[in-house]
Amino acid sequence: ISTAADCGGTVVVNWTANGAGTTLTRTGLSLIDMTTYFVAIRATDLAGNLGPTTTSDGILVDIGPPPAPALVNDGLIPPDADYTASNSSLGGNWSSVFDGSGINRYEYCITTSATGSDCSAGAVRTYTSAGVITSTTASGLTLSNGTMYYWFVRAVDSAGNIGGSARSDGITVDLSAPSVTTVADGAAADIDLQNPITALWANWAASTDSLSGLLRYELC
């Protein structure tokens, strides 16, 4: 076992008899993080003839977890969303991370806890694989009006190391429509008759919304 083919480089275990078995488990080693190690095998027959050396393609030792995503946004695509009108699905997106052994998957959690303390058990959606993509929509949720939900995202590398999580700033569910308003014909008090044929005027009372606030008026 060494850091180069044919038992070259830094030798961790020199040539050692393994009997007639075709598997190897060697413990008590002191391997170095982010170093590739190779296993070299050769056979000897009963007459003492030494066969050629065959070397594995190498295995990388990776004991360090990947970093947490630098940014997690509420909403399927940037920029970050603050409100949603859905009671059953939420979108999230996050920045990619790099790891020496590669990223196997991202995992996300959706919770009402700002600390993510229930992401392993009890959250609206406990840690779930999103594959290697950096955005996803979680469906089949049961969301409550006026409640803020957070996305927590972490990476798992190809060696199985689980990285720390990063959190979104939260998204609030708003299932309530703005208040009903009244509309008057004319520029001020309501009128029933006019003589211009090229223009119309109207005005209305201000509408209110207690959660997300008013975005715009639309008219027809």
C-alpha atoms as a PDB file:
ATOM      1  CA  ILE A   1       0.000   0.000   0.000  1.00  0.00           C
ATOM      2  CA  SER A   2       1.653   3.213  -1.135  1.00  0.00           C
ATOM      3  CA  THR A   3       1.124   6.622  -2.726  1.00  0.00           C
ATOM      4  CA  ALA A   4       2.307   5.528  -6.182  1.00  0.00           C
ATOM      5  CA  ALA A   5       1.909   2.532  -8.486  1.00  0.00           C
ATOM      6  CA  ASP A   6       3.988  -0.634  -8.055  1.00  0.00           C
ATOM      7  CA  CYS A   7       4.517   0.046  -4.346  1.00  0.00           C
ATOM      8  CA  GLY A   8       6.328   3.290  -5.064  1.00  0.00           C
ATOM      9  CA  GLY A   9       6.172   6.730  -3.532  1.00  0.00           C
ATOM     10  CA  THR A  10       5.515   6.731   0.210  1.00  0.00           C
ATOM     11  CA  VAL A  11       5.088   3.128   1.275  1.00  0.00           C
ATOM     12  CA  VAL A  12       2.537   2.623   4.036  1.00  0.00           C
ATOM     13  CA  VAL A  13       2.607  -1.176   4.047  1.00  0.00           C
ATOM     14  CA  ASN A  14       5.489  -2.953   2.322  1.00  0.00           C
ATOM     15  CA  TRP A  15       5.172  -6.284   0.553  1.00  0.00           C
ATOM     16  CA  THR A  16       3.340  -8.574   2.969  1.00  0.00           C
ATOM     17  CA  ALA A  17       2.116 -12.158   2.560  1.00  0.00           C
ATOM     18  CA  ASN A  18      -1.678 -12.457   2.449  1.00  0.00           C
ATOM     19  CA  GLY A  19      -2.061 -16.204   2.054  1.00  0.00           C
ATOM     20  CA  ALA A  20      -4.335 -17.492  -0.686  1.00  0.00           C
ATOM     21  CA  GLY A  21      -7.156 -15.075   0.117  1.00  0.00           C
ATOM     22  CA  THR A  22      -8.285 -12.497  -2.404  1.00  0.00           C
ATOM     23  CA  THR A  23      -9.434  -9.752  -0.031  1.00  0.00           C
ATOM     24  CA  LEU A  24      -7.539  -7.409   2.260  1.00  0.00           C
ATOM     25  CA  THR A  25      -8.415  -5.424   5.354  1.00  0.00           C
ATOM     26  CA  ARG A  26      -5.568  -3.542   6.996  1.00  0.00           C
ATOM     27  CA  THR A  27      -6.176  -1.443  10.109  1.00  0.00           C
ATOM     28  CA  GLY A  28      -3.954   0.683  12.318  1.00  0.00           C
ATOM     29  CA  LEU A  29      -2.749   2.805   9.414  1.00  0.00           C
ATOM     30  CA  SER A  30      -1.903   6.522   9.499  1.00  0.00           C
ATOM     31  CA  LEU A  31      -3.266   7.830   6.226  1.00  0.00           C
ATOM     32  CA  ILE A  32      -3.074  11.471   5.136  1.00  0.00           C
ATOM     33  CA  ASP A  33      -6.139  13.477   4.177  1.00  0.00           C
ATOM     34  CA  MET A  34      -6.570  14.223   0.445  1.00  0.00           C
ATOM     35  CA  THR A  35      -3.906  11.681  -0.503  1.00  0.00           C
ATOM     36  CA  THR A  36      -4.473   8.873  -3.007  1.00  0.00           C
ATOM     37  CA  TYR A  37      -3.273   5.397  -2.042  1.00  0.00           C
ATOM     38  CA  PHE A  38      -2.694   2.389  -4.280  1.00  0.00           C
ATOM     39  CA  VAL A  39      -2.745  -1.300  -3.477  1.00  0.00           C
ATOM     40  CA  ALA A  40      -0.193  -3.389  -5.395  1.00  0.00           C
ATOM     41  CA  ILE A  41      -0.715  -7.163  -5.710  1.00  0.00           C
ATOM     42  CA  ARG A  42       1.557  -9.919  -7.002  1.00  0.00           C
ATOM     43  CA  ALA A  43       1.307 -13.698  -6.754  1.00  0.00           C
ATOM     44  CA  THR A  44       3.918 -16.334  -5.987  1.00  0.00           C
ATOM     45  CA  ASP A  45       3.480 -19.953  -7.031  1.00  0.00           C
ATOM     46  CA  LEU A  46       4.572 -23.079  -5.163  1.00  0.00           C
ATOM     47  CA  ALA A  47       7.785 -23.185  -7.158  1.00  0.00           C
ATOM     48  CA  GLY A  48       8.687 -19.687  -5.976  1.00  0.00           C
ATOM     49  CA  ASN A  49       8.019 -17.921  -9.271  1.00  0.00           C
ATOM     50  CA  LEU A  50       7.028 -14.271  -8.696  1.00  0.00           C
ATOM     51  CA  GLY A  51       4.238 -12.947 -10.928  1.00  0.00           C
ATOM     52  CA  PRO A  52       3.879  -9.436 -12.336  1.00  0.00           C
ATOM     53  CA  THR A  53       2.650  -6.603 -10.174  1.00  0.00           C
ATOM     54  CA  THR A  54      -0.870  -5.266 -10.635  1.00  0.00           C
ATOM     55  CA  THR A  55      -1.855  -1.963  -9.057  1.00  0.00           C
ATOM     56  CA  SER A  56      -5.314  -0.674  -8.189  1.00  0.00           C
ATOM     57  CA  ASP A  57      -6.523   2.619  -9.688  1.00  0.00           C
ATOM     58  CA  GLY A  58      -6.202   4.286  -6.306  1.00  0.00           C
ATOM     59  CA  ILE A  59      -8.455   5.479  -3.519  1.00  0.00           C
ATOM     60  CA  LEU A  60      -8.525   9.027  -2.217  1.00  0.00           C
ATOM     61  CA  VAL A  61      -8.638   9.578   1.525  1.00  0.00           C
ATOM     62  CA  ASP A  62     -11.054  12.409   2.333  1.00  0.00           C
ATOM     63  CA  ILE A  63     -11.836  12.919   6.006  1.00  0.00           C
ATOM     64  CA  GLY A  64     -12.886  16.562   5.836  1.00  0.00           C
ATOM     65  CA  PRO A  65     -16.531  17.605   5.364  1.00  0.00           C
ATOM     66  CA  PRO A  66     -17.504  19.938   2.520  1.00  0.00           C
ATOM     67  CA  PRO A  67     -18.239  23.567   3.379  1.00  0.00           C
ATOM     68  CA  ALA A  68     -21.733  24.887   3.872  1.00  0.00           C
ATOM     69  CA  PRO A  69     -23.300  26.713   0.912  1.00  0.00           C
ATOM     70  CA  ALA A  70     -22.435  30.401   0.970  1.00  0.00           C
ATOM     71  CA  LEU A  71     -26.014  31.375   0.156  1.00  0.00           C
ATOM     72  CA  VAL A  72     -29.467  29.806   0.488  1.00  0.00           C
ATOM     73  CA  ASN A  73     -32.461  31.594  -1.058  1.00  0.00           C
ATOM     74  CA  ASP A  74     -36.165  31.073  -0.627  1.00  0.00           C
ATOM     75  CA  GLY A  75     -37.825  30.573  -4.002  1.00  0.00           C
ATOM     76  CA  LEU A  76     -36.915  28.336  -6.912  1.00  0.00           C
ATOM     77  CA  ILE A  77     -34.807  30.973  -8.691  1.00  0.00           C
ATOM     78  CA  PRO A  78     -32.972  34.080  -7.426  1.00  0.00           C
ATOM     79  CA  PRO A  79     -33.578  36.658  -6.122  1.00  0.00           C
ATOM     80  CA  ASP A  80     -34.732  35.654  -2.662  1.00  0.00           C
ATOM     81  CA  ALA A  81     -38.497  35.480  -2.102  1.00  0.00           C
ATOM     82  CA  ASP A  82     -40.131  36.672   1.117  1.00  0.00           C
ATOM     83  CA  TYR A  83     -43.722  35.484   0.623  1.00  0.00           C
ATOM     84  CA  THR A  84     -45.602  32.625  -1.009  1.00  0.00           C
ATOM     85  CA  ALA A  85     -49.277  32.055  -1.727  1.00  0.00           C
ATOM     86  CA  SER A  86     -48.915  28.254  -1.703  1.00  0.00           C
ATOM     87  CA  ASN A  87     -49.998  26.066   1.201  1.00  0.00           C
ATOM     88  CA  SER A  88     -48.380  22.893  -0.161  1.00  0.00           C
ATOM     89  CA  SER A  89     -45.060  23.635  -1.869  1.00  0.00           C
ATOM     90  CA  LEU A  90     -41.923  25.739  -1.445  1.00  0.00           C
ATOM     91  CA  GLY A  91     -38.987  26.367  -3.760  1.00  0.00           C
ATOM     92  CA  GLY A  92     -35.388  26.902  -2.713  1.00  0.00           C
ATOM     93  CA  ASN A  93     -32.029  27.554  -4.379  1.00  0.00           C
ATOM     94  CA  TRP A  94     -28.464  27.705  -3.094  1.00  0.00           C
ATOM     95  CA  SER A  95     -24.875  28.235  -4.150  1.00  0.00           C
ATOM     96  CA  SER A  96     -22.736  25.254  -5.118  1.00  0.00           C
ATOM     97  CA  VAL A  97     -19.803  24.092  -2.983  1.00  0.00           C
ATOM     98  CA  PHE A  98     -16.472  22.445  -3.831  1.00  0.00           C
ATOM     99  CA  ASP A  99     -14.988  19.379  -2.196  1.00  0.00           C
ATOM    100  CA  GLY A 100     -11.826  17.484  -3.078  1.00  0.00           C
ATOM    101  CA  SER A 101     -13.599  14.149  -3.506  1.00  0.00           C
ATOM    102  CA  GLY A 102     -16.597  15.691  -5.255  1.00  0.00           C
ATOM    103  CA  ILE A 103     -20.150  16.397  -4.135  1.00  0.00           C
ATOM    104  CA  ASN A 104     -22.389  13.353  -3.960  1.00  0.00           C
ATOM    105  CA  ARG A 105     -25.579  15.254  -3.150  1.00  0.00           C
ATOM    106  CA  TYR A 106     -27.158  18.238  -1.452  1.00  0.00           C
ATOM    107  CA  GLU A 107     -29.682  17.707   1.324  1.00  0.00           C
ATOM    108  CA  TYR A 108     -32.361  20.202   2.325  1.00  0.00           C
ATOM    109  CA  CYS A 109     -34.663  20.616   5.294  1.00  0.00           C
ATOM    110  CA  ILE A 110     -37.731  22.852   5.627  1.00  0.00           C
ATOM    111  CA  THR A 111     -38.695  23.922   9.112  1.00  0.00           C
ATOM    112  CA  THR A 112     -40.260  26.667  11.204  1.00  0.00           C
ATOM    113  CA  SER A 113     -37.230  26.542  13.517  1.00  0.00           C
ATOM    114  CA  ALA A 114     -34.685  29.291  12.896  1.00  0.00           C
ATOM    115  CA  THR A 115     -31.977  27.003  14.321  1.00  0.00           C
ATOM    116  CA  GLY A 116     -32.935  23.886  12.360  1.00  0.00           C
ATOM    117  CA  SER A 117     -32.954  21.864  15.562  1.00  0.00           C
ATOM    118  CA  ASP A 118     -35.695  19.577  14.224  1.00  0.00           C
ATOM    119  CA  CYS A 119     -34.206  18.945  10.760  1.00  0.00           C
ATOM    120  CA  SER A 120     -33.348  15.345  11.616  1.00  0.00           C
ATOM    121  CA  ALA A 121     -36.783  14.601  13.055  1.00  0.00           C
ATOM    122  CA  GLY A 122     -39.982  16.610  13.374  1.00  0.00           C
ATOM    123  CA  ALA A 123     -39.480  19.266  10.707  1.00  0.00           C
ATOM    124  CA  VAL A 124     -42.020  19.996   7.971  1.00  0.00           C
ATOM    125  CA  ARG A 125     -39.533  18.227   5.667  1.00  0.00           C
ATOM    126  CA  THR A 126     -36.564  16.509   7.322  1.00  0.00           C
ATOM    127  CA  TYR A 127     -33.248  16.301   5.471  1.00  0.00           C
ATOM    128  CA  THR A 128     -33.983  15.063   1.945  1.00  0.00           C
ATOM    129  CA  SER A 129     -31.654  14.551  -1.008  1.00  0.00           C
ATOM    130  CA  ALA A 130     -31.893  17.038  -3.864  1.00  0.00           C
ATOM    131  CA  GLY A 131     -29.207  15.268  -5.899  1.00  0.00           C
ATOM    132  CA  VAL A 132     -26.436  17.475  -7.237  1.00  0.00           C
ATOM    133  CA  ILE A 133     -28.691  20.282  -8.493  1.00  0.00           C
ATOM    134  CA  THR A 134     -28.714  23.625  -6.673  1.00  0.00           C
ATOM    135  CA  SER A 135     -32.460  24.309  -6.709  1.00  0.00           C
ATOM    136  CA  THR A 136     -35.576  22.279  -6.078  1.00  0.00           C
ATOM    137  CA  THR A 137     -39.269  22.472  -5.237  1.00  0.00           C
ATOM    138  CA  ALA A 138     -40.545  20.593  -2.209  1.00  0.00           C
ATOM    139  CA  SER A 139     -44.176  19.566  -2.685  1.00  0.00           C
ATOM    140  CA  GLY A 140     -46.755  17.724  -0.623  1.00  0.00           C
ATOM    141  CA  LEU A 141     -46.195  20.022   2.364  1.00  0.00           C
ATOM    142  CA  THR A 142     -48.776  21.226   4.868  1.00  0.00           C
ATOM    143  CA  LEU A 143     -48.070  24.939   5.346  1.00  0.00           C
ATOM    144  CA  SER A 144     -49.873  27.364   7.650  1.00  0.00           C
ATOM    145  CA  ASN A 145     -51.009  30.881   6.818  1.00  0.00           C
ATOM    146  CA  GLY A 146     -48.896  33.595   8.425  1.00  0.00           C
ATOM    147  CA  THR A 147     -46.056  31.181   9.320  1.00  0.00           C
ATOM    148  CA  MET A 148     -42.420  31.655   8.330  1.00  0.00           C
ATOM    149  CA  TYR A 149     -40.497  28.679   6.974  1.00  0.00           C
ATOM    150  CA  TYR A 150     -36.731  28.271   6.573  1.00  0.00           C
ATOM    151  CA  TRP A 151     -34.622  26.225   4.167  1.00  0.00           C
ATOM    152  CA  PHE A 152     -31.519  24.513   5.562  1.00  0.00           C
ATOM    153  CA  VAL A 153     -29.107  23.071   2.981  1.00  0.00           C
ATOM    154  CA  ARG A 154     -25.967  20.971   3.435  1.00  0.00           C
ATOM    155  CA  ALA A 155     -23.613  19.045   1.138  1.00  0.00           C
ATOM    156  CA  VAL A 156     -22.499  15.423   1.356  1.00  0.00           C
ATOM    157  CA  ASP A 157     -19.250  14.562  -0.430  1.00  0.00           C
ATOM    158  CA  SER A 158     -18.375  11.395  -2.316  1.00  0.00           C
ATOM    159  CA  ALA A 159     -16.575  10.010   0.729  1.00  0.00           C
ATOM    160  CA  GLY A 160     -19.756  10.327   2.810  1.00  0.00           C
ATOM    161  CA  ASN A 161     -18.673  13.341   4.864  1.00  0.00           C
ATOM    162  CA  ILE A 162     -21.619  15.585   5.785  1.00  0.00           C
ATOM    163  CA  GLY A 163     -20.976  19.313   5.721  1.00  0.00           C
ATOM    164  CA  GLY A 164     -22.442  22.047   7.849  1.00  0.00           C
ATOM    165  CA  SER A 165     -25.768  23.577   6.907  1.00  0.00           C
ATOM    166  CA  ALA A 166     -26.670  27.073   5.748  1.00  0.00           C
ATOM    167  CA  ARG A 167     -30.078  28.693   6.255  1.00  0.00           C
ATOM    168  CA  SER A 168     -32.313  30.944   4.205  1.00  0.00           C
ATOM    169  CA  ASP A 169     -33.735  34.116   5.745  1.00  0.00           C
ATOM    170  CA  GLY A 170     -37.241  32.636   5.712  1.00  0.00           C
ATOM    171  CA  ILE A 171     -40.390  32.809   3.628  1.00  0.00           C
ATOM    172  CA  THR A 172     -43.871  33.586   4.976  1.00  0.00           C
ATOM    173  CA  VAL A 173     -47.033  31.888   3.768  1.00  0.00           C
ATOM    174  CA  ASP A 174     -49.761  34.405   2.853  1.00  0.00           C
ATOM    175  CA  LEU A 175     -53.056  32.799   1.875  1.00  0.00           C
ATOM    176  CA  SER A 176     -55.196  35.888   2.544  1.00  0.00           C
ATOM    177  CA  ALA A 177     -56.255  38.174  -0.318  1.00  0.00           C
ATOM    178  CA  PRO A 178     -56.091  41.983   0.024  1.00  0.00           C
ATOM    179  CA  SER A 179     -59.176  43.685   1.375  1.00  0.00           C
ATOM    180  CA  VAL A 180     -62.108  44.512  -0.916  1.00  0.00           C
ATOM    181  CA  THR A 181     -62.113  48.074  -2.163  1.00  0.00           C
ATOM    182  CA  THR A 182     -64.798  50.355  -3.609  1.00  0.00           C
ATOM    183  CA  VAL A 183     -64.492  51.992  -7.014  1.00  0.00           C
ATOM    184  CA  ALA A 184     -66.021  55.330  -8.078  1.00  0.00           C
ATOM    185  CA  ASP A 185     -66.470  56.540 -11.622  1.00  0.00           C
ATOM    186  CA  GLY A 186     -64.911  59.949 -12.164  1.00  0.00           C
ATOM    187  CA  ALA A 187     -61.890  61.714 -10.720  1.00  0.00           C
ATOM    188  CA  ALA A 188     -63.461  62.286  -7.270  1.00  0.00           C
ATOM    189  CA  ALA A 189     -67.055  61.650  -6.202  1.00  0.00           C
ATOM    190  CA  ASP A 190     -68.867  58.959  -8.174  1.00  0.00           C
ATOM    191  CA  ILE A 191     -70.577  60.204 -11.345  1.00  0.00           C
ATOM    192  CA  ASP A 192     -73.084  58.467 -13.607  1.00  0.00           C
ATOM    193  CA  LEU A 193     -72.776  60.572 -16.801  1.00  0.00           C
ATOM    194  CA  GLN A 194     -69.962  62.117 -18.829  1.00  0.00           C
ATOM    195  CA  ASN A 195     -69.625  63.632 -22.309  1.00  0.00           C
ATOM    196  CA  PRO A 196     -65.959  62.963 -23.338  1.00  0.00           C
ATOM    197  CA  ILE A 197     -65.668  59.958 -25.645  1.00  0.00           C
ATOM    198  CA  THR A 198     -61.857  59.595 -25.535  1.00  0.00           C
ATOM    199  CA  ALA A 199     -61.189  59.114 -21.810  1.00  0.00           C
ATOM    200  CA  LEU A 200     -62.537  57.660 -18.579  1.00  0.00           C
ATOM    201  CA  TRP A 201     -61.652  58.448 -14.976  1.00  0.00           C
ATOM    202  CA  ALA A 202     -61.940  56.321 -11.859  1.00  0.00           C
ATOM    203  CA  ASN A 203     -60.728  56.298  -8.294  1.00  0.00           C
ATOM    204  CA  TRP A 204     -60.923  53.796  -5.469  1.00  0.00           C
ATOM    205  CA  ALA A 205     -60.377  53.377  -1.775  1.00  0.00           C
ATOM    206  CA  ALA A 206     -57.009  52.023  -0.696  1.00  0.00           C
ATOM    207  CA  SER A 207     -56.824  48.273  -0.149  1.00  0.00           C
ATOM    208  CA  THR A 208     -54.902  46.710   2.742  1.00  0.00           C
ATOM    209  CA  ASP A 209     -53.090  43.421   3.260  1.00  0.00           C
ATOM    210  CA  SER A 210     -51.972  42.426   6.744  1.00  0.00           C
ATOM    211  CA  LEU A 211     -49.217  39.952   5.746  1.00  0.00           C
ATOM    212  CA  SER A 212     -47.253  40.535   2.567  1.00  0.00           C
ATOM    213  CA  GLY A 213     -48.540  44.024   1.862  1.00  0.00           C
ATOM    214  CA  LEU A 214     -49.964  45.468  -1.330  1.00  0.00           C
ATOM    215  CA  LEU A 215     -47.965  44.983  -4.538  1.00  0.00           C
ATOM    216  CA  ARG A 216     -50.172  46.683  -7.155  1.00  0.00           C
ATOM    217  CA  TYR A 217     -53.683  47.340  -8.406  1.00  0.00           C
ATOM    218  CA  GLU A 218     -54.944  45.842 -11.647  1.00  0.00           C
ATOM    219  CA  LEU A 219     -57.858  47.224 -13.607  1.00  0.00           C
ATOM    220  CA  CYS A 220     -60.084  46.085 -16.442  1.00  0.00           C
END
